Amino acid sequence: MDSALSSRALTKRYGRRTVVRDVTLQVHPGQVYALVGPNGAGKTTLIRLLSGLAFPSEGTVRLLGVDPQVHPEVRRSLGAVVEAPAAFYPWLTGRGNLRLHARLAGGVADGRIDALLAEMELTRDADRRVAVYSLGMRQRLGVAAALLARPRVLLLDEPASGMDPLSLHIVHRALQDAARSGAAVLLSTHHLDEVVRYGDAVGIMEEGALIDQVDLAVRRGRYRVVVDDVAGAMAALEAASWTTSLTQRGGAVLVQLRESGDAARIAPTLVEAGVAVQALSEDVFDLRGYYRDRLQAERDRRREVAQERVAARAAEAAPVGDDGAGEEAP
């Protein structure tokens, strides 16, 4: 499947400072790709590069197969919120701002504005001035504006930043719906627990570099079953055609399923084999823990590299005697 959005060895420098370094990624139609990382990791700059709002110092960007800098018309297929909250005219209403965006985008079907206002649960406040909107309401309005023209690619920088739980749910639901309709979605976020439930991939950024990419899709559909006979459970489930892999973890078995709906088969299969089931639950990938450990490992690695460089420079500067043992020559 061809990617809808991709970069190769993408690098951005401002003077002598490298903000994004050597980033290669792909997002396919129907996928949700989340960028995570600490503040200042380069996520916003990367999104600006991918959207064509900034020029790369090195590397390439492809939006629907073409360079958005060379073919700016491709941005008609792009919906974006960069450096949220999105900017709106504060003296216009929410509906009025969306009407303006629709006229600029062109080709927006009648009723699309009302549908999006309803989806973002802004209908009641649609005719109030944006100046009185809360941060969460402006964020939801920004997502609505990005979705107006049914874009094939969505780029969103912290679309749920500072939101209350209800607004957070509304925005993540809208992104899932966009992906189901075939859009490629890339967002930056700090909401790891939410994105792990519906995202397809996560890219972890640190100091401008993409230090890891995690395939979330293969980590879903996995269940943890606690049993009184691990060996018997492994044998019974291994024979089932609807399992793809089994892993033993203490007194439990991790079961990877072909289809999530097959979870209802686990307990009956084990009971029929004479294995008592003590607990059965979905095994949700601990993205937060993985992210924390991965960042710490990367920082430890860079610290070691820096120490080695300091030691190497010190060794080069030290006077060396004829015997090479490091004594000062007479």
Protein backbone atom coordinates (compact mmCIF):
# COMPACT_ATOMS: atom_id res chain seq x y z
CA MET A 1 0.00 0.00 0.00
CA ASP A 2 1.41 3.40 -1.02
CA SER A 3 1.85 5.88 1.81
CA ALA A 4 -0.27 9.02 1.87
CA LEU A 5 2.39 10.89 3.84
CA SER A 6 6.08 10.15 4.12
CA SER A 7 9.47 11.63 4.84
CA ARG A 8 12.99 10.41 4.22
CA ALA A 9 16.07 11.61 6.12
CA LEU A 10 14.19 14.83 6.91
CA THR A 11 16.34 17.45 8.64
CA LYS A 12 15.73 21.08 9.61
CA ARG A 13 18.33 23.53 10.86
CA TYR A 14 17.96 27.09 12.08
CA GLY A 15 21.44 28.52 11.86
CA ARG A 16 23.77 26.06 13.61
CA ARG A 17 20.93 24.50 15.62
CA THR A 18 19.41 21.26 14.30
CA VAL A 19 15.77 21.04 15.33
CA VAL A 20 14.77 17.94 13.33
CA ARG A 21 17.37 15.38 12.33
CA ASP A 22 17.17 12.52 9.83
CA VAL A 23 13.47 11.60 10.31
CA THR A 24 12.03 8.85 8.12
CA LEU A 25 8.40 7.78 8.53
CA GLN A 26 5.31 6.69 6.60
CA VAL A 27 1.58 7.03 7.21
CA HIS A 28 -0.81 5.01 5.05
CA PRO A 29 -4.46 5.71 4.23
CA GLY A 30 -6.67 4.67 7.14
CA GLN A 31 -3.83 4.80 9.68
CA VAL A 32 -3.42 6.93 12.80
CA TYR A 33 0.23 7.78 13.53
CA ALA A 34 1.00 9.52 16.84
CA LEU A 35 4.15 11.55 17.51
CA VAL A 36 5.08 11.58 21.18
CA GLY A 37 7.99 13.14 23.01
CA PRO A 38 8.87 15.79 25.59
CA ASN A 39 8.30 19.48 24.93
CA GLY A 40 11.01 20.79 22.63
CA ALA A 41 11.59 17.40 20.98
CA GLY A 42 10.83 18.84 17.52
CA LYS A 43 7.28 17.56 16.98
CA THR A 44 5.78 20.89 15.88
CA THR A 45 8.67 21.61 13.51
CA LEU A 46 8.29 18.15 12.00
CA ILE A 47 4.57 18.73 11.43
CA ARG A 48 5.34 22.08 9.78
CA LEU A 49 7.80 20.33 7.47
CA LEU A 50 5.33 17.57 6.60
CA SER A 51 2.57 20.08 5.85
CA GLY A 52 4.80 22.20 3.62
CA LEU A 53 4.75 25.20 5.97
CA ALA A 54 8.53 24.95 6.46
CA PHE A 55 11.33 24.10 4.03
CA PRO A 56 13.60 21.16 4.90
CA SER A 57 17.34 21.71 5.15
CA GLU A 58 17.85 18.14 3.94
CA GLY A 59 15.70 15.17 3.06
CA THR A 60 12.34 14.85 1.34
CA VAL A 61 8.61 15.03 2.11
CA ARG A 62 5.92 13.37 0.04
CA LEU A 63 2.25 14.24 0.43
CA LEU A 64 0.07 11.91 -1.66
CA GLY A 65 3.18 11.04 -3.63
CA VAL A 66 4.40 14.56 -4.44
CA ASP A 67 6.53 17.25 -2.84
CA PRO A 68 4.14 19.87 -1.34
CA GLN A 69 6.73 22.59 -1.94
CA VAL A 70 6.87 21.82 -5.67
CA HIS A 71 3.16 21.00 -6.00
CA PRO A 72 1.38 23.27 -3.49
CA GLU A 73 -2.01 22.34 -5.00
CA VAL A 74 -1.79 18.98 -3.19
CA ARG A 75 -2.51 20.83 0.04
CA ARG A 76 -6.16 20.95 -1.02
CA SER A 77 -6.24 17.34 0.15
CA LEU A 78 -4.69 18.25 3.49
CA GLY A 79 -6.48 19.20 6.70
CA ALA A 80 -4.24 20.64 9.39
CA VAL A 81 -4.08 22.31 12.76
CA VAL A 82 -0.51 23.43 13.41
CA GLU A 83 0.50 25.06 16.67
CA ALA A 84 -2.90 24.63 18.30
CA PRO A 85 -5.20 26.14 19.32
CA ALA A 86 -6.19 26.99 15.78
CA ALA A 87 -6.45 30.68 14.93
CA PHE A 88 -9.95 32.03 14.34
CA TYR A 89 -11.48 35.48 14.00
CA PRO A 90 -12.65 36.13 17.59
CA TRP A 91 -15.43 38.53 16.58
CA LEU A 92 -17.05 35.88 14.34
CA THR A 93 -19.16 33.02 15.64
CA GLY A 94 -18.02 29.42 15.47
CA ARG A 95 -20.40 28.85 12.57
CA GLY A 96 -19.23 32.02 10.86
CA ASN A 97 -15.58 30.96 11.08
CA LEU A 98 -16.39 27.56 9.60
CA ARG A 99 -18.34 29.20 6.76
CA LEU A 100 -15.29 31.32 5.98
CA HIS A 101 -13.04 28.23 6.01
CA ALA A 102 -15.51 26.41 3.76
CA ARG A 103 -15.50 29.23 1.19
CA LEU A 104 -11.70 29.28 1.15
CA ALA A 105 -11.49 25.49 0.79
CA GLY A 106 -14.18 25.26 -1.86
CA GLY A 107 -16.26 22.20 -2.65
CA VAL A 108 -17.66 21.82 0.86
CA ALA A 109 -21.08 20.17 0.66
CA ASP A 110 -24.18 21.83 2.06
CA GLY A 111 -24.84 20.65 5.58
CA ARG A 112 -21.22 19.72 6.25
CA ILE A 113 -20.78 22.60 8.71
CA ASP A 114 -23.85 21.61 10.72
CA ALA A 115 -22.75 17.97 10.72
CA LEU A 116 -19.31 18.82 12.06
CA LEU A 117 -20.67 21.19 14.68
CA ALA A 118 -22.85 18.34 15.88
CA GLU A 119 -19.97 15.85 15.80
CA MET A 120 -17.80 18.22 17.84
CA GLU A 121 -20.79 18.90 20.16
CA LEU A 122 -20.66 22.62 19.41
CA THR A 123 -24.18 23.07 18.02
CA ARG A 124 -25.43 24.85 21.14
CA ASP A 125 -22.52 27.33 20.98
CA ALA A 126 -22.27 27.61 17.19
CA ASP A 127 -23.70 31.14 17.08
CA ARG A 128 -21.60 32.55 19.92
CA ARG A 129 -18.49 34.58 19.21
CA VAL A 130 -15.27 32.55 19.33
CA ALA A 131 -13.86 35.18 21.71
CA VAL A 132 -15.92 33.63 24.52
CA TYR A 133 -15.05 30.01 23.66
CA SER A 134 -13.04 27.97 26.14
CA LEU A 135 -9.73 26.41 25.06
CA GLY A 136 -11.40 23.03 24.60
CA MET A 137 -14.13 24.54 22.42
CA ARG A 138 -11.57 26.33 20.22
CA GLN A 139 -9.63 23.08 19.90
CA ARG A 140 -12.76 21.23 18.81
CA LEU A 141 -13.60 24.00 16.35
CA GLY A 142 -10.08 23.69 14.93
CA VAL A 143 -10.54 19.97 14.35
CA ALA A 144 -13.90 20.69 12.69
CA ALA A 145 -12.21 23.20 10.35
CA ALA A 146 -9.52 20.66 9.47
CA LEU A 147 -12.20 18.08 8.59
CA LEU A 148 -14.41 20.40 6.51
CA ALA A 149 -13.25 19.32 3.05
CA ARG A 150 -12.96 15.62 3.95
CA PRO A 151 -9.16 15.66 3.62
CA ARG A 152 -7.17 12.61 2.58
CA VAL A 153 -4.41 13.56 5.04
CA LEU A 154 -4.86 15.09 8.51
CA LEU A 155 -1.97 16.75 10.37
CA LEU A 156 -2.76 17.88 13.91
CA ASP A 157 -0.39 19.41 16.44
CA GLU A 158 -1.61 18.66 19.98
CA PRO A 159 -5.31 18.74 18.98
CA ALA A 160 -6.41 17.71 22.49
CA SER A 161 -4.03 19.87 24.52
CA GLY A 162 -5.61 21.25 27.70
CA MET A 163 -8.93 19.55 27.09
CA ASP A 164 -11.40 18.26 29.64
CA PRO A 165 -12.18 14.50 29.44
CA LEU A 166 -15.36 15.03 27.38
CA SER A 167 -13.62 17.19 24.77
CA LEU A 168 -10.74 14.72 24.68
CA HIS A 169 -13.12 11.87 23.90
CA ILE A 170 -14.88 13.89 21.19
CA VAL A 171 -11.65 14.74 19.37
CA HIS A 172 -10.18 11.23 19.53
CA ARG A 173 -13.49 9.81 18.29
CA ALA A 174 -13.42 12.21 15.33
CA LEU A 175 -9.87 11.17 14.43
CA GLN A 176 -10.85 7.49 14.54
CA ASP A 177 -13.81 8.21 12.26
CA ALA A 178 -11.58 10.09 9.81
CA ALA A 179 -9.16 7.15 9.66
CA ARG A 180 -12.02 4.68 9.12
CA SER A 181 -13.13 6.79 6.16
CA GLY A 182 -9.65 6.37 4.62
CA ALA A 183 -7.75 9.45 5.75
CA ALA A 184 -4.14 9.21 6.87
CA VAL A 185 -3.93 10.86 10.31
CA LEU A 186 -0.76 12.11 11.99
CA LEU A 187 -0.97 13.91 15.31
CA SER A 188 1.35 14.95 18.09
CA THR A 189 0.05 14.18 21.55
CA HIS A 190 0.85 13.65 25.22
CA HIS A 191 -2.29 11.51 25.72
CA LEU A 192 -0.56 8.14 25.53
CA ASP A 193 -3.26 6.09 27.24
CA GLU A 194 -5.90 7.23 24.74
CA VAL A 195 -3.88 6.91 21.55
CA VAL A 196 -2.70 3.39 22.39
CA ARG A 197 -6.30 2.20 22.15
CA TYR A 198 -6.90 3.30 18.57
CA GLY A 199 -3.60 4.39 17.03
CA ASP A 200 -1.77 2.22 14.51
CA ALA A 201 1.77 3.45 15.13
CA VAL A 202 3.69 5.70 17.49
CA GLY A 203 6.90 7.59 16.77
CA ILE A 204 8.95 8.61 19.81
CA MET A 205 10.96 11.82 19.37
CA GLU A 206 13.86 13.09 21.48
CA GLU A 207 16.04 16.11 20.67
CA GLY A 208 14.77 16.25 17.08
CA ALA A 209 15.37 12.58 16.28
CA LEU A 210 12.86 9.78 15.83
CA ILE A 211 14.41 7.31 18.25
CA ASP A 212 11.78 4.58 17.95
CA GLN A 213 8.63 3.61 16.05
CA VAL A 214 6.14 1.24 17.66
CA ASP A 215 3.57 -0.79 15.73
CA LEU A 216 0.48 -0.59 17.93
CA ALA A 217 -1.74 -2.57 15.57
CA VAL A 218 0.14 -5.83 16.24
CA ARG A 219 -0.07 -5.23 20.00
CA ARG A 220 -3.87 -5.20 20.05
CA GLY A 221 -6.12 -8.23 20.13
CA ARG A 222 -4.03 -9.72 22.95
CA TYR A 223 -5.59 -11.13 26.11
CA ARG A 224 -4.17 -12.23 29.45
CA VAL A 225 -5.67 -15.34 31.01
CA VAL A 226 -4.71 -16.54 34.50
CA VAL A 227 -5.09 -20.31 34.87
CA ASP A 228 -4.29 -23.14 37.27
CA ASP A 229 -2.45 -25.14 34.58
CA VAL A 230 -0.28 -23.04 32.28
CA ALA A 231 1.05 -25.99 30.28
CA GLY A 232 -2.46 -27.34 29.71
CA ALA A 233 -3.71 -23.89 28.68
CA MET A 234 -0.84 -23.44 26.24
CA ALA A 235 -1.56 -26.83 24.64
CA ALA A 236 -5.32 -26.20 24.34
CA LEU A 237 -4.98 -22.71 22.88
CA GLU A 238 -2.15 -23.64 20.54
CA ALA A 239 -4.48 -26.07 18.81
CA ALA A 240 -7.07 -23.32 18.19
CA SER A 241 -7.09 -21.88 14.69
CA TRP A 242 -8.13 -18.44 15.95
CA THR A 243 -4.93 -17.77 17.94
CA THR A 244 -1.74 -16.47 16.31
CA SER A 245 0.74 -16.60 19.19
CA LEU A 246 0.98 -17.59 22.85
CA THR A 247 3.38 -16.34 25.53
CA GLN A 248 3.78 -17.54 29.10
CA ARG A 249 4.07 -14.84 31.75
CA GLY A 250 4.23 -16.27 35.27
CA GLY A 251 0.94 -18.00 36.00
CA ALA A 252 -0.74 -16.42 32.99
CA VAL A 253 -0.86 -16.95 29.24
CA LEU A 254 -0.86 -14.04 26.78
CA VAL A 255 -3.07 -14.94 23.84
CA GLN A 256 -2.79 -13.09 20.51
CA LEU A 257 -6.02 -13.46 18.50
CA ARG A 258 -6.67 -13.25 14.79
CA GLU A 259 -9.90 -11.34 15.48
CA SER A 260 -10.76 -9.49 18.70
CA GLY A 261 -14.24 -11.06 18.61
CA ASP A 262 -12.65 -14.45 19.26
CA ALA A 263 -11.96 -13.47 22.89
CA ALA A 264 -15.27 -15.11 23.83
CA ARG A 265 -13.81 -18.48 22.76
CA ILE A 266 -10.90 -18.48 25.21
CA ALA A 267 -12.65 -19.48 28.44
CA PRO A 268 -14.90 -22.20 26.93
CA THR A 269 -11.91 -23.74 25.15
CA LEU A 270 -9.90 -23.91 28.37
CA VAL A 271 -12.79 -25.23 30.46
CA GLU A 272 -13.42 -27.95 27.88
CA ALA A 273 -9.74 -28.92 28.18
CA GLY A 274 -10.06 -29.18 31.97
CA VAL A 275 -8.17 -25.95 32.73
CA ALA A 276 -9.64 -23.67 35.39
CA VAL A 277 -9.77 -19.99 34.37
CA GLN A 278 -9.12 -17.59 37.27
CA ALA A 279 -9.08 -14.30 35.33
CA LEU A 280 -9.39 -13.09 31.76
CA SER A 281 -8.70 -9.53 30.62
CA GLU A 282 -7.43 -7.56 27.65
CA ASP A 283 -3.66 -7.07 27.80
CA VAL A 284 -3.31 -3.35 27.00
CA PHE A 285 0.15 -2.31 25.85
CA ASP A 286 1.81 -0.07 28.45
CA LEU A 287 2.86 2.69 26.07
CA ARG A 288 3.51 5.12 28.91
CA GLY A 289 5.98 2.74 30.56
CA TYR A 290 7.61 1.85 27.24
CA TYR A 291 7.95 5.54 26.36
CA ARG A 292 9.53 6.37 29.72
CA ASP A 293 12.03 3.50 29.48
CA ARG A 294 12.90 4.28 25.87
CA LEU A 295 13.59 7.94 26.62
CA GLN A 296 15.75 7.05 29.60
CA ALA A 297 17.75 4.53 27.56
CA GLU A 298 18.32 7.10 24.82
CA ARG A 299 19.45 9.74 27.31
CA ASP A 300 21.81 7.25 28.98
CA ARG A 301 23.26 6.36 25.58
CA ARG A 302 23.86 10.00 24.69
CA ARG A 303 25.43 10.66 28.07
CA GLU A 304 27.86 7.79 27.52
CA VAL A 305 28.71 9.04 24.04
CA ALA A 306 29.36 12.54 25.41
CA GLN A 307 31.59 11.16 28.16
CA GLU A 308 33.55 9.10 25.65
CA ARG A 309 34.10 12.18 23.50
CA VAL A 310 35.33 14.19 26.48
CA ALA A 311 37.70 11.38 27.43
CA ALA A 312 38.97 11.11 23.86
CA ARG A 313 39.65 14.87 23.63
CA ALA A 314 41.44 14.77 26.98
CA ALA A 315 43.61 11.88 25.80
CA GLU A 316 44.50 13.75 22.60
CA ALA A 317 45.48 16.87 24.55
CA ALA A 318 47.59 15.05 27.16
CA PRO A 319 51.41 15.03 26.55
CA VAL A 320 52.75 11.56 25.84
CA GLY A 321 56.28 10.29 26.61
CA ASP A 322 58.41 8.21 24.30
CA ASP A 323 57.16 4.99 25.87
CA GLY A 324 53.53 6.02 25.23
CA ALA A 325 52.64 5.56 28.91
CA GLY A 326 51.46 9.13 29.33
CA GLU A 327 54.47 10.57 31.26
CA GLU A 328 55.59 14.05 30.34
CA ALA A 329 58.71 13.96 28.15
CA PRO A 330 61.92 15.30 29.79
